[in-house]
N, C-alpha and C. Protein backbone atom coordinates (compact mmCIF):
# COMPACT_ATOMS: atom_id res chain seq x y z
N MET A 1 0.83 -1.21 -0.09
CA MET A 1 -0.01 -0.04 -0.03
C MET A 1 0.90 1.26 -0.01
N LEU A 2 1.85 1.38 0.73
CA LEU A 2 2.78 2.34 0.86
C LEU A 2 3.46 2.63 -0.49
N LYS A 3 3.68 1.45 -1.15
CA LYS A 3 4.41 1.56 -2.45
C LYS A 3 3.41 2.26 -3.41
N LYS A 4 2.06 1.97 -3.29
CA LYS A 4 1.14 2.66 -4.18
C LYS A 4 1.05 4.15 -3.99
N ILE A 5 1.05 4.50 -2.75
CA ILE A 5 1.00 5.95 -2.34
C ILE A 5 2.24 6.65 -2.82
N ILE A 6 3.35 6.07 -2.76
CA ILE A 6 4.55 6.63 -3.24
C ILE A 6 4.57 6.84 -4.61
N THR A 7 4.03 5.81 -5.44
CA THR A 7 3.86 5.83 -6.84
C THR A 7 2.98 6.87 -7.28
N VAL A 8 1.78 7.05 -6.67
CA VAL A 8 0.76 8.02 -7.02
C VAL A 8 1.29 9.40 -6.65
N THR A 9 2.01 9.60 -5.48
CA THR A 9 2.62 10.85 -5.14
C THR A 9 3.61 11.21 -6.18
N THR A 10 4.40 10.39 -6.68
CA THR A 10 5.47 10.63 -7.62
C THR A 10 4.84 11.14 -8.89
N ILE A 11 3.75 10.40 -9.32
CA ILE A 11 3.14 10.68 -10.49
C ILE A 11 2.52 12.17 -10.49
N LEU A 12 1.80 12.41 -9.32
CA LEU A 12 1.16 13.71 -9.10
C LEU A 12 2.21 14.83 -9.09
N LEU A 13 3.35 14.53 -8.36
CA LEU A 13 4.40 15.59 -8.28
C LEU A 13 4.95 15.80 -9.71
N ALA A 14 5.23 14.71 -10.55
CA ALA A 14 5.78 14.90 -11.87
C ALA A 14 4.79 15.79 -12.70
N LEU A 15 3.45 15.43 -12.64
CA LEU A 15 2.45 16.12 -13.44
C LEU A 15 2.33 17.71 -12.94
N SER A 16 2.59 17.86 -11.73
CA SER A 16 2.49 19.35 -11.27
C SER A 16 3.70 20.02 -11.72
N ILE A 17 4.75 19.43 -11.74
CA ILE A 17 6.00 20.08 -12.26
C ILE A 17 5.91 20.39 -13.77
N VAL A 18 5.45 19.44 -14.58
CA VAL A 18 5.20 19.55 -15.99
C VAL A 18 4.17 20.65 -16.39
N SER A 19 3.22 20.74 -15.54
CA SER A 19 1.99 21.57 -15.96
C SER A 19 2.27 23.05 -15.37
N CYS A 20 3.38 23.22 -14.73
CA CYS A 20 3.51 24.60 -14.14
C CYS A 20 4.32 25.54 -14.99
N LYS A 21 4.21 25.27 -16.34
CA LYS A 21 4.97 26.19 -17.25
C LYS A 21 4.14 27.46 -17.53
N ASN A 22 4.70 28.43 -17.84
CA ASN A 22 4.07 29.68 -18.35
C ASN A 22 3.05 29.53 -19.41
N ASP A 23 1.87 30.25 -19.35
CA ASP A 23 1.00 30.04 -20.44
C ASP A 23 1.57 30.65 -21.72
N VAL A 24 1.31 30.02 -22.84
CA VAL A 24 1.80 30.43 -24.17
C VAL A 24 0.75 31.55 -24.73
N LEU A 25 1.21 32.66 -24.99
CA LEU A 25 0.48 33.81 -25.51
C LEU A 25 0.87 34.04 -26.96
N PRO A 26 -0.04 34.26 -27.86
CA PRO A 26 0.30 34.65 -29.18
C PRO A 26 0.95 35.96 -29.18
N LYS A 27 1.90 36.06 -30.16
CA LYS A 27 2.59 37.33 -30.37
C LYS A 27 1.68 38.31 -31.14
N PRO A 28 1.64 39.59 -30.73
CA PRO A 28 0.79 40.54 -31.41
C PRO A 28 1.22 40.67 -32.93
N ALA A 29 0.29 41.05 -33.83
CA ALA A 29 0.58 41.17 -35.19
C ALA A 29 1.55 42.30 -35.39
N SER A 30 2.48 42.12 -36.30
CA SER A 30 3.48 43.16 -36.58
C SER A 30 3.67 43.04 -38.08
N PHE A 31 4.18 44.24 -38.58
CA PHE A 31 4.26 44.49 -39.93
C PHE A 31 5.65 45.01 -40.26
N LEU A 32 6.31 44.51 -41.38
CA LEU A 32 7.68 45.12 -41.74
C LEU A 32 7.41 46.50 -42.22
N ARG A 33 8.20 47.38 -41.75
CA ARG A 33 7.99 48.96 -42.16
C ARG A 33 9.01 49.03 -43.07
N LEU A 34 8.67 49.52 -44.34
CA LEU A 34 9.60 49.87 -45.30
C LEU A 34 9.34 51.30 -45.82
N ASP A 35 10.36 52.15 -45.45
CA ASP A 35 10.16 53.62 -45.76
C ASP A 35 11.13 53.94 -46.94
N TYR A 36 10.62 54.59 -47.91
CA TYR A 36 11.40 54.96 -49.01
C TYR A 36 11.32 56.51 -49.03
N PRO A 37 12.49 56.95 -49.53
CA PRO A 37 12.53 58.50 -49.61
C PRO A 37 11.56 59.07 -50.37
N GLU A 38 11.05 60.30 -50.11
CA GLU A 38 9.97 61.02 -50.90
C GLU A 38 10.67 61.20 -52.29
N ALA A 39 9.95 60.91 -53.24
CA ALA A 39 10.37 60.92 -54.65
C ALA A 39 10.83 62.44 -55.03
N LYS A 40 11.87 62.52 -55.67
CA LYS A 40 12.31 63.94 -56.36
C LYS A 40 12.56 63.59 -57.72
N TYR A 41 11.94 64.51 -58.58
CA TYR A 41 12.02 64.12 -59.99
C TYR A 41 12.94 65.09 -60.73
N ALA A 42 13.55 64.61 -61.81
CA ALA A 42 14.43 65.50 -62.67
C ALA A 42 14.06 65.12 -64.13
N ASN A 43 14.24 66.13 -65.00
CA ASN A 43 14.02 65.83 -66.39
C ASN A 43 15.20 64.95 -67.04
N PHE A 44 14.63 64.17 -67.77
CA PHE A 44 15.66 63.27 -68.61
C PHE A 44 15.56 63.58 -70.03
N GLN A 45 16.55 63.93 -70.63
CA GLN A 45 16.63 64.26 -72.00
C GLN A 45 17.82 63.59 -72.63
N ASN A 46 17.73 63.21 -73.88
CA ASN A 46 18.87 62.78 -74.69
C ASN A 46 18.57 62.83 -76.18
N ASN A 47 19.19 62.06 -76.98
CA ASN A 47 19.01 62.10 -78.51
C ASN A 47 17.77 61.40 -78.90
N CYS A 48 17.04 60.79 -78.04
CA CYS A 48 15.77 60.03 -78.42
C CYS A 48 14.74 61.02 -78.66
N PRO A 49 13.65 60.56 -79.41
CA PRO A 49 12.56 61.47 -79.67
C PRO A 49 11.59 61.79 -78.63
N PHE A 50 11.92 61.57 -77.49
CA PHE A 50 11.08 61.91 -76.37
C PHE A 50 11.97 62.17 -75.05
N GLY A 51 11.30 62.74 -74.01
CA GLY A 51 11.90 63.11 -72.79
C GLY A 51 10.79 62.93 -71.71
N PHE A 52 11.21 62.82 -70.38
CA PHE A 52 10.36 62.74 -69.29
C PHE A 52 11.05 62.91 -68.09
N GLU A 53 10.26 62.94 -66.93
CA GLU A 53 10.79 63.31 -65.74
C GLU A 53 10.94 61.79 -64.95
N MET A 54 11.99 61.70 -64.25
CA MET A 54 12.24 60.26 -63.58
C MET A 54 12.72 60.70 -62.19
N ASN A 55 12.64 59.59 -61.21
CA ASN A 55 13.00 59.71 -59.98
C ASN A 55 14.56 59.82 -59.85
N GLU A 56 15.00 60.77 -59.08
CA GLU A 56 16.49 60.98 -58.96
C GLU A 56 17.19 59.89 -58.27
N GLU A 57 16.52 59.08 -57.43
CA GLU A 57 17.03 57.85 -56.75
C GLU A 57 17.39 56.68 -57.72
N ALA A 58 16.68 56.81 -58.88
CA ALA A 58 16.77 55.62 -59.82
C ALA A 58 18.05 55.79 -60.64
N ILE A 59 18.60 54.84 -61.35
CA ILE A 59 19.78 54.79 -62.25
C ILE A 59 19.21 54.45 -63.63
N ILE A 60 19.54 55.39 -64.54
CA ILE A 60 19.00 55.03 -65.95
C ILE A 60 20.25 54.65 -66.81
N LYS A 61 20.03 53.60 -67.64
CA LYS A 61 21.10 53.31 -68.63
C LYS A 61 20.38 53.16 -69.93
N GLY A 62 21.00 53.57 -70.90
CA GLY A 62 20.50 53.56 -72.25
C GLY A 62 20.84 52.23 -72.92
N GLU A 63 19.85 51.70 -73.70
CA GLU A 63 20.00 50.35 -74.37
C GLU A 63 19.99 50.78 -75.80
N LYS A 64 19.80 49.82 -76.67
CA LYS A 64 19.81 50.06 -78.14
C LYS A 64 18.50 50.68 -78.56
N ASP A 65 18.37 51.41 -79.60
CA ASP A 65 17.19 52.00 -80.22
C ASP A 65 16.26 52.74 -79.20
N CYS A 66 16.89 53.57 -78.39
CA CYS A 66 15.97 54.37 -77.58
C CYS A 66 15.31 53.57 -76.46
N GLY A 67 15.72 52.43 -76.17
CA GLY A 67 15.28 51.72 -75.00
C GLY A 67 16.05 51.98 -73.77
N PHE A 68 15.48 51.96 -72.55
CA PHE A 68 16.16 52.30 -71.38
C PHE A 68 15.78 51.16 -70.24
N THR A 69 16.80 51.14 -69.30
CA THR A 69 16.51 50.43 -68.01
C THR A 69 16.63 51.45 -67.01
N ILE A 70 15.60 51.61 -66.12
CA ILE A 70 15.66 52.44 -64.97
C ILE A 70 15.73 51.57 -63.77
N THR A 71 16.85 51.43 -63.05
CA THR A 71 17.06 50.48 -61.91
C THR A 71 16.83 51.12 -60.62
N TYR A 72 16.29 50.44 -59.65
CA TYR A 72 16.10 50.84 -58.20
C TYR A 72 16.94 49.81 -57.48
N PRO A 73 18.16 50.04 -57.03
CA PRO A 73 19.01 48.94 -56.47
C PRO A 73 18.38 48.61 -55.10
N LYS A 74 18.00 49.52 -54.27
CA LYS A 74 17.44 49.32 -52.95
C LYS A 74 16.14 48.53 -52.94
N MET A 75 15.47 48.51 -54.03
CA MET A 75 14.22 47.77 -54.06
C MET A 75 14.31 46.53 -55.02
N LYS A 76 15.53 46.42 -55.59
CA LYS A 76 15.77 45.30 -56.48
C LYS A 76 14.70 45.14 -57.58
N ALA A 77 14.49 46.25 -58.28
CA ALA A 77 13.66 46.47 -59.34
C ALA A 77 14.16 47.10 -60.52
N THR A 78 13.53 46.90 -61.75
CA THR A 78 13.92 47.61 -62.90
C THR A 78 12.71 47.93 -63.70
N ILE A 79 12.69 49.19 -64.23
CA ILE A 79 11.55 49.58 -65.13
C ILE A 79 12.31 49.44 -66.58
N TYR A 80 11.62 48.78 -67.51
CA TYR A 80 12.18 48.52 -68.86
C TYR A 80 11.41 49.41 -69.77
N LEU A 81 12.00 50.34 -70.44
CA LEU A 81 11.31 51.26 -71.49
C LEU A 81 11.70 50.78 -72.79
N THR A 82 10.71 50.63 -73.70
CA THR A 82 11.07 50.14 -75.04
C THR A 82 10.35 51.17 -76.03
N TYR A 83 11.19 51.63 -76.95
CA TYR A 83 10.61 52.61 -77.84
C TYR A 83 10.66 52.00 -79.38
N LYS A 84 9.57 52.28 -80.07
CA LYS A 84 9.42 51.78 -81.42
C LYS A 84 8.79 52.94 -82.15
N PRO A 85 9.38 53.24 -83.33
CA PRO A 85 8.67 54.17 -84.22
C PRO A 85 7.44 53.51 -84.82
N VAL A 86 6.42 54.49 -85.04
CA VAL A 86 5.25 53.95 -85.79
C VAL A 86 5.38 54.10 -87.19
N ASN A 87 5.26 52.97 -87.97
CA ASN A 87 5.45 52.98 -89.40
C ASN A 87 4.22 52.40 -90.00
N GLY A 88 3.00 52.98 -89.73
CA GLY A 88 1.78 52.49 -90.21
C GLY A 88 1.33 51.19 -89.65
N ASP A 89 1.99 50.87 -88.48
CA ASP A 89 1.61 49.57 -87.78
C ASP A 89 1.19 49.89 -86.35
N ILE A 90 0.40 50.90 -86.14
CA ILE A 90 -0.03 51.28 -84.70
C ILE A 90 -0.86 50.13 -84.28
N GLU A 91 -1.74 49.52 -85.11
CA GLU A 91 -2.63 48.52 -84.49
C GLU A 91 -1.88 47.23 -83.97
N LYS A 92 -0.82 46.86 -84.70
CA LYS A 92 0.08 45.77 -84.35
C LYS A 92 0.75 46.17 -83.09
N LEU A 93 1.30 47.43 -82.85
CA LEU A 93 1.98 47.83 -81.63
C LEU A 93 1.02 47.91 -80.55
N LEU A 94 -0.12 48.24 -80.62
CA LEU A 94 -1.15 48.24 -79.53
C LEU A 94 -1.49 46.78 -79.10
N LYS A 95 -1.65 46.00 -80.18
CA LYS A 95 -2.03 44.53 -79.92
C LYS A 95 -0.88 43.95 -79.08
N ASP A 96 0.35 44.06 -79.51
CA ASP A 96 1.55 43.59 -78.74
C ASP A 96 1.69 44.02 -77.37
N ALA A 97 1.33 45.33 -77.07
CA ALA A 97 1.44 45.80 -75.73
C ALA A 97 0.30 45.33 -74.99
N GLN A 98 -0.76 45.20 -75.38
CA GLN A 98 -1.86 44.64 -74.63
C GLN A 98 -1.72 43.06 -74.39
N LYS A 99 -1.16 42.47 -75.38
CA LYS A 99 -0.96 40.98 -75.26
C LYS A 99 0.15 40.80 -74.10
N LEU A 100 1.05 41.58 -74.18
CA LEU A 100 2.18 41.49 -73.08
C LEU A 100 1.52 41.57 -71.72
N THR A 101 0.70 42.49 -71.50
CA THR A 101 0.05 42.72 -70.20
C THR A 101 -0.91 41.51 -69.90
N TYR A 102 -1.67 41.11 -70.82
CA TYR A 102 -2.62 40.04 -70.47
C TYR A 102 -1.99 38.64 -70.47
N GLU A 103 -0.74 38.48 -70.80
CA GLU A 103 -0.08 37.19 -70.53
C GLU A 103 0.04 36.93 -69.09
N HIS A 104 -0.10 37.90 -68.24
CA HIS A 104 0.08 37.85 -66.72
C HIS A 104 -1.28 37.40 -66.13
N VAL A 105 -2.38 37.30 -66.98
CA VAL A 105 -3.69 37.00 -66.27
C VAL A 105 -3.71 35.72 -65.59
N ILE A 106 -2.74 34.76 -65.96
CA ILE A 106 -2.80 33.44 -65.29
C ILE A 106 -2.46 33.57 -63.85
N LYS A 107 -1.42 34.45 -63.43
CA LYS A 107 -1.08 34.56 -62.08
C LYS A 107 -1.73 35.84 -61.49
N ALA A 108 -2.20 36.73 -62.13
CA ALA A 108 -2.77 37.94 -61.72
C ALA A 108 -4.24 37.62 -61.02
N ASP A 109 -4.48 38.47 -59.97
CA ASP A 109 -5.83 38.37 -59.35
C ASP A 109 -6.80 39.38 -60.09
N ASP A 110 -6.15 40.39 -60.65
CA ASP A 110 -7.00 41.49 -61.27
C ASP A 110 -5.95 42.30 -62.08
N ILE A 111 -6.49 42.82 -63.17
CA ILE A 111 -5.72 43.74 -64.01
C ILE A 111 -6.62 45.01 -64.15
N LEU A 112 -6.13 46.17 -63.65
CA LEU A 112 -6.84 47.42 -63.65
C LEU A 112 -6.28 48.28 -64.85
N GLU A 113 -7.22 48.71 -65.76
CA GLU A 113 -6.77 49.58 -66.85
C GLU A 113 -7.16 51.05 -66.57
N GLN A 114 -6.12 51.96 -66.74
CA GLN A 114 -6.37 53.31 -66.56
C GLN A 114 -5.92 54.17 -67.78
N PRO A 115 -6.94 54.47 -68.57
CA PRO A 115 -6.58 55.23 -69.84
C PRO A 115 -5.91 56.59 -69.53
N TYR A 116 -5.01 57.00 -70.45
CA TYR A 116 -4.32 58.29 -70.23
C TYR A 116 -4.41 59.10 -71.47
N LEU A 117 -4.96 60.17 -71.42
CA LEU A 117 -5.13 60.98 -72.53
C LEU A 117 -4.58 62.48 -72.30
N ASN A 118 -3.69 62.97 -73.11
CA ASN A 118 -3.28 64.33 -73.01
C ASN A 118 -3.10 64.97 -74.49
N PRO A 119 -4.24 65.46 -74.98
CA PRO A 119 -4.30 65.86 -76.41
C PRO A 119 -3.39 67.17 -76.51
N GLU A 120 -3.13 67.85 -75.51
CA GLU A 120 -2.18 69.13 -75.70
C GLU A 120 -0.80 68.63 -76.03
N LYS A 121 -0.28 67.61 -75.34
CA LYS A 121 1.00 67.01 -75.67
C LYS A 121 1.04 65.89 -76.72
N LYS A 122 -0.19 65.47 -77.11
CA LYS A 122 -0.35 64.39 -78.13
C LYS A 122 0.26 63.10 -77.53
N VAL A 123 -0.05 62.87 -76.24
CA VAL A 123 0.27 61.67 -75.56
C VAL A 123 -1.02 60.90 -75.09
N TYR A 124 -1.10 59.68 -75.62
CA TYR A 124 -2.34 58.84 -75.46
C TYR A 124 -1.85 57.36 -74.98
N GLY A 125 -2.44 56.74 -74.10
CA GLY A 125 -1.98 55.48 -73.66
C GLY A 125 -2.83 54.82 -72.67
N MET A 126 -2.32 53.75 -72.06
CA MET A 126 -2.90 53.00 -71.10
C MET A 126 -1.91 52.61 -70.02
N PHE A 127 -2.29 52.69 -68.70
CA PHE A 127 -1.62 52.21 -67.62
C PHE A 127 -2.37 51.10 -67.05
N TYR A 128 -1.56 49.83 -66.81
CA TYR A 128 -2.14 48.72 -66.26
C TYR A 128 -1.56 48.36 -64.92
N GLN A 129 -2.39 48.19 -63.97
CA GLN A 129 -1.85 47.79 -62.67
C GLN A 129 -2.31 46.28 -62.41
N VAL A 130 -1.36 45.54 -62.32
CA VAL A 130 -1.53 44.05 -62.35
C VAL A 130 -1.44 43.64 -60.78
N ASN A 131 -2.65 43.20 -60.20
CA ASN A 131 -2.64 42.79 -58.92
C ASN A 131 -2.42 41.28 -58.75
N GLY A 132 -1.84 40.84 -57.64
CA GLY A 132 -1.54 39.41 -57.54
C GLY A 132 -0.09 39.10 -57.63
N ASN A 133 0.24 37.85 -57.80
CA ASN A 133 1.55 37.39 -57.78
C ASN A 133 2.18 37.22 -59.29
N ALA A 134 1.82 38.19 -60.04
CA ALA A 134 2.38 38.16 -61.40
C ALA A 134 3.82 38.77 -61.52
N ALA A 135 4.47 38.38 -62.56
CA ALA A 135 5.93 38.75 -62.71
C ALA A 135 6.06 40.27 -62.79
N THR A 136 5.12 41.01 -63.25
CA THR A 136 5.11 42.51 -63.26
C THR A 136 3.82 43.04 -62.57
N ASN A 137 4.01 44.11 -61.94
CA ASN A 137 2.84 44.86 -61.21
C ASN A 137 2.33 45.98 -61.99
N SER A 138 3.08 46.50 -62.73
CA SER A 138 2.74 47.78 -63.47
C SER A 138 3.33 47.72 -64.98
N GLN A 139 2.47 48.20 -65.78
CA GLN A 139 2.85 48.30 -67.26
C GLN A 139 2.18 49.46 -67.81
N PHE A 140 2.78 50.05 -68.91
CA PHE A 140 1.99 51.07 -69.64
C PHE A 140 2.45 51.23 -71.08
N TYR A 141 1.71 51.83 -71.94
CA TYR A 141 2.10 52.23 -73.23
C TYR A 141 1.64 53.60 -73.46
N VAL A 142 2.40 54.29 -74.35
CA VAL A 142 1.94 55.68 -74.73
C VAL A 142 2.39 55.84 -76.18
N THR A 143 1.63 56.60 -76.87
CA THR A 143 1.82 56.92 -78.31
C THR A 143 1.31 58.14 -78.59
N ASP A 144 1.73 58.67 -79.70
CA ASP A 144 1.09 59.89 -80.40
C ASP A 144 0.27 59.44 -81.58
N SER A 145 0.33 58.11 -81.77
CA SER A 145 -0.66 57.45 -82.73
C SER A 145 -0.04 57.62 -84.16
N THR A 146 0.93 58.42 -84.50
CA THR A 146 1.49 58.54 -85.94
C THR A 146 2.94 58.27 -86.04
N LYS A 147 3.76 58.60 -85.03
CA LYS A 147 5.17 58.48 -85.13
C LYS A 147 5.83 57.77 -84.03
N HIS A 148 5.40 57.89 -82.79
CA HIS A 148 6.06 57.21 -81.75
C HIS A 148 5.24 56.29 -80.83
N PHE A 149 5.94 55.27 -80.26
CA PHE A 149 5.24 54.34 -79.39
C PHE A 149 6.25 53.88 -78.32
N LEU A 150 5.88 53.97 -77.07
CA LEU A 150 6.76 53.64 -75.83
C LEU A 150 5.90 52.83 -74.92
N THR A 151 6.67 51.66 -74.56
CA THR A 151 6.08 50.88 -73.50
C THR A 151 6.98 50.74 -72.31
N GLY A 152 6.41 50.49 -71.10
CA GLY A 152 7.24 50.36 -69.86
C GLY A 152 6.57 49.26 -69.06
N SER A 153 7.43 48.49 -68.38
CA SER A 153 7.04 47.52 -67.43
C SER A 153 8.07 47.41 -66.25
N VAL A 154 7.64 47.05 -65.11
CA VAL A 154 8.48 46.88 -63.94
C VAL A 154 8.54 45.47 -63.60
N TYR A 155 9.88 44.96 -63.21
CA TYR A 155 10.05 43.67 -62.86
C TYR A 155 11.01 43.71 -61.54
N PHE A 156 10.66 42.95 -60.63
CA PHE A 156 11.44 42.77 -59.49
C PHE A 156 12.40 41.54 -59.56
N TYR A 157 13.41 41.61 -58.93
CA TYR A 157 14.53 40.44 -58.85
C TYR A 157 14.02 39.62 -57.70
N ALA A 158 12.97 39.09 -57.61
CA ALA A 158 12.55 38.16 -56.60
C ALA A 158 11.36 37.47 -57.07
N LYS A 159 11.11 36.27 -56.30
CA LYS A 159 9.81 35.52 -56.69
C LYS A 159 8.63 36.30 -56.49
N PRO A 160 7.62 36.36 -57.35
CA PRO A 160 6.49 37.16 -57.23
C PRO A 160 5.76 36.89 -55.92
N ASN A 161 5.64 37.78 -55.06
CA ASN A 161 4.88 37.61 -53.85
C ASN A 161 4.30 38.99 -53.48
N PHE A 162 3.14 39.23 -54.07
CA PHE A 162 2.65 40.66 -54.06
C PHE A 162 2.67 41.29 -52.70
N ASP A 163 2.30 40.39 -51.56
CA ASP A 163 2.19 41.03 -50.23
C ASP A 163 3.66 41.54 -49.79
N SER A 164 4.66 40.84 -50.23
CA SER A 164 5.92 41.26 -49.82
C SER A 164 6.57 42.44 -50.47
N ILE A 165 6.30 42.61 -51.74
CA ILE A 165 6.75 43.69 -52.57
C ILE A 165 5.80 44.96 -52.69
N MET A 166 4.69 44.81 -52.09
CA MET A 166 3.71 45.77 -52.36
C MET A 166 4.16 47.24 -52.02
N PRO A 167 4.83 47.53 -51.00
CA PRO A 167 5.39 48.91 -50.74
C PRO A 167 6.25 49.38 -51.93
N ALA A 168 7.16 48.55 -52.26
CA ALA A 168 8.11 48.91 -53.47
C ALA A 168 7.30 49.07 -54.67
N ALA A 169 6.38 48.07 -55.02
CA ALA A 169 5.58 48.13 -56.11
C ALA A 169 4.77 49.47 -56.32
N SER A 170 4.14 49.79 -55.20
CA SER A 170 3.43 51.03 -55.10
C SER A 170 4.26 52.22 -55.40
N TYR A 171 5.50 52.28 -54.81
CA TYR A 171 6.48 53.37 -54.95
C TYR A 171 6.75 53.53 -56.42
N ILE A 172 7.11 52.47 -57.06
CA ILE A 172 7.58 52.37 -58.46
C ILE A 172 6.35 52.68 -59.44
N LYS A 173 5.20 52.21 -59.09
CA LYS A 173 4.03 52.56 -59.87
C LYS A 173 3.84 54.05 -59.99
N ASN A 174 4.13 54.73 -58.82
CA ASN A 174 3.94 56.18 -59.01
C ASN A 174 4.96 56.77 -59.80
N ASP A 175 6.27 56.29 -59.77
CA ASP A 175 7.12 56.75 -60.66
C ASP A 175 6.80 56.50 -62.27
N MET A 176 6.32 55.31 -62.41
CA MET A 176 5.87 54.98 -63.84
C MET A 176 4.78 55.83 -64.41
N GLN A 177 3.86 56.21 -63.37
CA GLN A 177 2.78 57.16 -63.84
C GLN A 177 3.32 58.43 -64.13
N ARG A 178 4.28 58.96 -63.30
CA ARG A 178 4.99 60.20 -63.53
C ARG A 178 5.70 60.22 -64.91
N ILE A 179 6.40 59.08 -65.32
CA ILE A 179 7.06 59.01 -66.54
C ILE A 179 5.98 59.23 -67.64
N MET A 180 4.81 58.59 -67.57
CA MET A 180 3.73 58.71 -68.51
C MET A 180 3.21 60.15 -68.68
N GLU A 181 2.98 60.60 -67.47
CA GLU A 181 2.34 62.05 -67.36
C GLU A 181 3.21 63.18 -67.87
N THR A 182 4.51 62.98 -67.75
CA THR A 182 5.41 64.07 -68.07
C THR A 182 6.05 63.76 -69.41
N LEU A 183 5.86 62.78 -70.10
CA LEU A 183 6.47 62.38 -71.46
C LEU A 183 6.15 63.46 -72.45
N LYS A 184 7.14 63.82 -73.15
CA LYS A 184 7.00 64.91 -74.26
C LYS A 184 7.67 64.24 -75.53
N TRP A 185 7.06 64.30 -76.53
CA TRP A 185 7.63 63.92 -77.89
C TRP A 185 8.37 65.10 -78.44
N LYS A 186 9.46 64.81 -79.11
CA LYS A 186 10.30 65.88 -79.75
C LYS A 186 9.90 65.94 -81.24
């Protein structure tokens, strides 16, 4: 009998020691805070038939045929600008630009179209915001419909995860809209 009491006492003592841990509490929700400097813009001009304003924090490099890459090293992103002269093929250029955007529909949750019209500067186009885990989050094209056609798209050097890159994508989206809105044909 004494052996049973000692065994029961040992078991109860062991259980009380194991059960005396602190309660586990969930951690409060927290968010990664990404602060980017307020954008300052400067005019970009060269020998190409257009000019625009771009973020001073970005680095621009000329490619062939008036194409450019605008890189954001801190955000690991690049805007690719591609220029094509219009040679009676405006419909083909428009279809190609729209096709490029809608190739992302597989991964995109939504594609928002925002038309852009500036008859005073003869700049007409479309801005696309691609929501979801697509390879690009923003794209645009602009044209004067007779001589010039320019497309732009942003790509990040990371696996597409919209929640993670959203602050950077939003910042660069504003820069892309600024390029569109300040574009001037020569």
